[in-house]
Each structure stands twice: as structure tokens, then as C-alpha cells.
Amino acid sequence: MARGQTGIGALIVFISFVLTAAIAAFLVTQTTVSTQSKAAAVADQARERTGTTFEVVRVEGIANLTTNTIGKYLLYVRLAAGSDPINLNSTYIAYYTASGRKVYLYGGNVANESVLPTVDDGRYYVVDSLTAAKESPPNNVLESGELYVIGLVVNNTIGPSDWYEFTLIPKEGQPNDVYGIAPDVFTSEVVILR
């Protein structure tokens, strides 16, 4: 009878080990699934924040050949690959030169470059949409497949060989820095800076 009791005791211990292992495996699996879903949500947020940005295709300076300075800019921008649409109402453009820094807010649309303000009003404007498939005039949301021309007039003008920098800052996403040095000589009113 002692052998039978030993066998039953061993079986009870074995079953308790199996149940304990099953409960532990269940808890580990639940924790892993929970952590994985939280990680996926965080990754989606991070991808949205880092993937949303502008691509600056071209920068033109409009030179005053009398004073030999650039005080008006046209930036050709589109969304970077994989970017979500960007609302210009909540996007800032910071402009830097050796003379200082100024931040510009969205001011709306203008019919063309010639109707941009003649003095720095602290705003940037959408001058044109170079994408025929989208609405005309352009709205305040830059979407995939659109190319906008953004114009702004600045007080901190630059001359030949001076440096400049623009930082386009969307509310959600990554800022995009564009910088360079003006050519040594301005030979025409439109100066290609990038």
C-alpha cells in the first residue's frame, strides 16, 4: 500500500507542477501580448511624428539689384515620402541669418508672387500650387502629390555670400532645415539658392 500512496503523492506533485507551469505560461503570454500591443501603438505614434515632414525642392531668392540684397523668397515644398498631410495653419517657418531670427505664421493664399506684401508682415503665403490635379486655388492642407510655392518677405535681407536658413516646423512631425550661402554675385532678379 505504501507504493500506491507514493505513486499517488508523486502524481499530485506532478499535476501541481504542470498547473503552476501552465499558469505561469499563461501570465507570460498575456504580458507579452499586452506589451506588444502597447509597443505597436507607440511605434505608430512615433512613425506618424517622425514621418510627417516637408521636402523642400527648390529655394529662390528675389533680388533687388539696386541694393544687391534678397528680401523675398519662394520655397517649393511638397510632403516627404510617407508623410501624412500637413496643415499650414499650424506650421511655422523660422528664418535665420547673421542678423537674427524671425518666425513666420501662415497668412493664407495670394494670387501670385507679385501680390506678396512689400514689407515683412510676419506671415508666409501660398503663392501657387504646381499640381494641376488638385484644387485651385490651393487650400491650407498640403497633401500627397501636391507641390506648393510658399512666398515670404523678410526684414533680415541677405547679400552676396551671406548665409541663410529656413526651418519648416509642422505641429506634428519633424522640422526640416534648409540652409545655404547666397552666390557671390546676383546677376538676375531671380536667384536660385537651392
Protein backbone atom coordinates (compact mmCIF):
# COMPACT_ATOMS: atom_id res chain seq x y z
CA MET A 1 0.00 0.00 0.00
CA ALA A 2 2.94 2.33 0.63
CA ARG A 3 3.92 2.05 -3.02
CA GLY A 4 0.46 3.13 -4.11
CA GLN A 5 0.47 6.10 -1.77
CA THR A 6 3.91 7.14 -3.02
CA GLY A 7 2.68 6.94 -6.63
CA ILE A 8 -0.45 9.00 -5.86
CA GLY A 9 1.65 11.56 -3.94
CA ALA A 10 4.09 11.82 -6.85
CA LEU A 11 1.15 12.22 -9.26
CA ILE A 12 -0.33 15.04 -7.15
CA VAL A 13 3.06 16.81 -7.04
CA PHE A 14 3.45 16.34 -10.79
CA ILE A 15 -0.05 17.74 -11.51
CA SER A 16 0.64 20.75 -9.27
CA PHE A 17 3.90 21.41 -11.19
CA VAL A 18 2.02 21.20 -14.51
CA LEU A 19 -0.73 23.56 -13.29
CA THR A 20 1.83 26.02 -11.93
CA ALA A 21 3.74 25.92 -15.22
CA ALA A 22 0.51 26.40 -17.21
CA ILE A 23 -0.50 29.41 -15.10
CA ALA A 24 2.99 30.92 -15.44
CA ALA A 25 2.95 30.36 -19.22
CA PHE A 26 -0.49 32.00 -19.45
CA LEU A 27 0.68 35.04 -17.47
CA VAL A 28 3.84 35.40 -19.56
CA THR A 29 1.80 35.12 -22.78
CA GLN A 30 -0.73 37.73 -21.60
CA THR A 31 2.05 40.09 -20.55
CA THR A 32 3.78 39.64 -23.91
CA VAL A 33 0.58 40.30 -25.88
CA SER A 34 -0.21 43.37 -23.79
CA THR A 35 3.32 44.74 -24.12
CA GLN A 36 3.37 44.02 -27.84
CA SER A 37 0.11 45.92 -28.46
CA LYS A 38 1.36 48.89 -26.42
CA ALA A 39 4.66 48.84 -28.33
CA ALA A 40 2.80 48.80 -31.64
CA ALA A 41 0.75 51.83 -30.59
CA VAL A 42 3.88 53.72 -29.53
CA ALA A 43 5.62 52.76 -32.79
CA ASP A 44 2.65 54.04 -34.82
CA GLN A 45 2.75 57.34 -32.93
CA ALA A 46 6.49 57.65 -33.42
CA ARG A 47 6.22 56.84 -37.12
CA GLU A 48 3.50 59.48 -37.51
CA ARG A 49 5.52 62.11 -35.67
CA THR A 50 8.82 61.41 -37.41
CA GLY A 51 7.41 60.60 -40.83
CA THR A 52 5.44 63.82 -41.19
CA THR A 53 7.66 66.46 -42.71
CA PHE A 54 8.26 68.65 -45.74
CA GLU A 55 10.64 68.18 -48.60
CA VAL A 56 11.96 71.49 -49.91
CA VAL A 57 12.54 71.00 -53.62
CA ARG A 58 13.83 74.46 -54.51
CA VAL A 59 14.54 77.85 -52.91
CA GLU A 60 14.53 81.04 -54.97
CA GLY A 61 15.52 84.45 -53.72
CA ILE A 62 14.06 87.54 -55.36
CA ALA A 63 16.91 90.04 -55.51
CA ASN A 64 16.76 93.81 -55.50
CA LEU A 65 19.56 94.51 -57.98
CA THR A 66 19.78 98.17 -56.88
CA THR A 67 20.59 97.31 -53.23
CA ASN A 68 22.13 93.94 -54.13
CA THR A 69 20.07 92.14 -51.46
CA ILE A 70 17.49 89.37 -51.26
CA GLY A 71 14.42 90.21 -49.21
CA LYS A 72 11.80 87.92 -50.74
CA TYR A 73 11.87 84.12 -51.00
CA LEU A 74 9.93 81.43 -52.81
CA LEU A 75 10.13 77.91 -51.35
CA TYR A 76 8.88 74.99 -53.43
CA VAL A 77 7.65 72.37 -50.97
CA ARG A 78 5.93 69.01 -51.01
CA LEU A 79 5.38 66.25 -48.49
CA ALA A 80 8.26 63.91 -47.80
CA ALA A 81 7.71 60.31 -48.85
CA GLY A 82 5.29 58.55 -46.50
CA SER A 83 4.28 61.78 -44.80
CA ASP A 84 0.76 62.49 -43.61
CA PRO A 85 -0.94 65.70 -44.83
CA ILE A 86 0.30 68.88 -43.12
CA ASN A 87 -1.99 71.73 -42.10
CA LEU A 88 -0.26 75.03 -42.84
CA ASN A 89 -2.41 76.84 -40.24
CA SER A 90 -0.33 75.15 -37.53
CA THR A 91 3.02 75.22 -39.34
CA TYR A 92 5.73 77.79 -38.69
CA ILE A 93 8.71 78.84 -40.76
CA ALA A 94 11.75 80.08 -38.84
CA TYR A 95 14.16 82.20 -40.87
CA TYR A 96 17.77 82.69 -39.72
CA THR A 97 20.56 84.94 -40.96
CA ALA A 98 23.63 86.51 -39.40
CA SER A 99 21.32 89.44 -38.47
CA GLY A 100 18.97 87.32 -36.39
CA ARG A 101 15.92 85.06 -36.42
CA LYS A 102 12.24 85.55 -37.17
CA VAL A 103 9.31 83.12 -37.08
CA TYR A 104 6.58 83.36 -39.71
CA LEU A 105 2.96 82.16 -39.48
CA TYR A 106 0.65 81.07 -42.29
CA GLY A 107 -1.11 84.07 -43.82
CA GLY A 108 -3.28 82.43 -46.48
CA ASN A 109 -3.12 82.33 -50.26
CA VAL A 110 -2.18 85.05 -52.71
CA ALA A 111 -2.93 85.13 -56.42
CA ASN A 112 0.71 85.26 -57.48
CA GLU A 113 4.17 86.34 -56.39
CA SER A 114 3.65 89.98 -57.41
CA VAL A 115 0.92 90.48 -54.77
CA LEU A 116 3.08 89.34 -51.85
CA PRO A 117 3.37 92.10 -49.25
CA THR A 118 6.12 94.62 -49.91
CA VAL A 119 7.26 94.61 -46.28
CA ASP A 120 7.79 91.89 -43.67
CA ASP A 121 4.39 91.25 -42.05
CA GLY A 122 5.41 88.12 -40.11
CA ARG A 123 3.46 85.82 -42.41
CA TYR A 124 4.17 83.40 -45.24
CA TYR A 125 1.78 82.77 -48.09
CA VAL A 126 0.95 80.01 -50.54
CA VAL A 127 1.64 81.62 -53.90
CA ASP A 128 0.73 78.71 -56.16
CA SER A 129 0.05 75.01 -56.41
CA LEU A 130 2.02 73.45 -59.24
CA THR A 131 -0.12 70.31 -59.20
CA ALA A 132 -2.91 70.52 -61.75
CA ALA A 133 -4.79 67.51 -60.34
CA LYS A 134 -5.51 69.25 -57.02
CA GLU A 135 -7.89 72.10 -56.32
CA SER A 136 -7.10 75.60 -57.44
CA PRO A 137 -6.54 77.81 -55.56
CA PRO A 138 -4.75 75.58 -53.08
CA ASN A 139 -6.18 75.09 -49.61
CA ASN A 140 -4.26 75.24 -46.34
CA VAL A 141 -3.54 71.48 -46.21
CA LEU A 142 -0.54 70.16 -48.13
CA GLU A 143 -1.38 66.64 -49.28
CA SER A 144 0.44 63.85 -51.06
CA GLY A 145 1.11 64.67 -54.69
CA GLU A 146 0.92 68.44 -54.23
CA LEU A 147 3.74 70.92 -54.79
CA TYR A 148 3.18 74.35 -53.21
CA VAL A 149 5.11 77.54 -53.78
CA ILE A 150 5.42 79.39 -50.48
CA GLY A 151 6.42 83.05 -50.51
CA LEU A 152 7.62 85.32 -47.74
CA VAL A 153 9.09 88.79 -47.41
CA VAL A 154 11.81 89.33 -44.79
CA ASN A 155 13.44 92.26 -42.99
CA ASN A 156 16.72 90.39 -42.49
CA THR A 157 17.88 90.63 -46.07
CA ILE A 158 20.98 88.86 -47.28
CA GLY A 159 23.62 89.99 -49.71
CA PRO A 160 26.13 88.11 -51.84
CA SER A 161 27.97 85.33 -49.99
CA ASP A 162 25.67 85.65 -46.93
CA TRP A 163 24.21 82.53 -45.31
CA TYR A 164 20.53 81.82 -44.67
CA GLU A 165 18.50 79.06 -43.08
CA PHE A 166 14.83 78.12 -43.09
CA THR A 167 13.28 75.66 -40.66
CA LEU A 168 9.81 74.44 -41.60
CA ILE A 169 8.11 73.31 -38.38
CA PRO A 170 4.83 71.35 -38.61
CA LYS A 171 2.76 70.95 -35.44
CA GLU A 172 3.08 67.17 -35.69
CA GLY A 173 6.22 65.70 -37.19
CA GLN A 174 9.81 66.65 -37.73
CA PRO A 175 11.18 70.08 -38.62
CA ASN A 176 13.02 70.38 -41.92
CA ASP A 177 16.10 72.62 -42.15
CA VAL A 178 17.13 74.21 -45.43
CA TYR A 179 20.25 76.31 -45.48
CA GLY A 180 22.85 77.64 -47.84
CA ILE A 181 25.00 80.54 -48.93
CA ALA A 182 23.97 83.12 -51.50
CA PRO A 183 26.09 83.35 -54.66
CA ASP A 184 28.91 85.87 -54.87
CA VAL A 185 27.07 87.96 -57.49
CA PHE A 186 23.37 88.49 -58.18
CA THR A 187 23.08 88.65 -61.98
CA SER A 188 19.29 88.49 -62.25
CA GLU A 189 16.26 89.20 -60.14
CA VAL A 190 15.58 85.50 -59.52
CA VAL A 191 18.47 83.87 -57.68
CA ILE A 192 18.42 80.09 -57.36
CA LEU A 193 19.59 79.35 -53.82
CA ARG A 194 18.85 75.65 -53.79
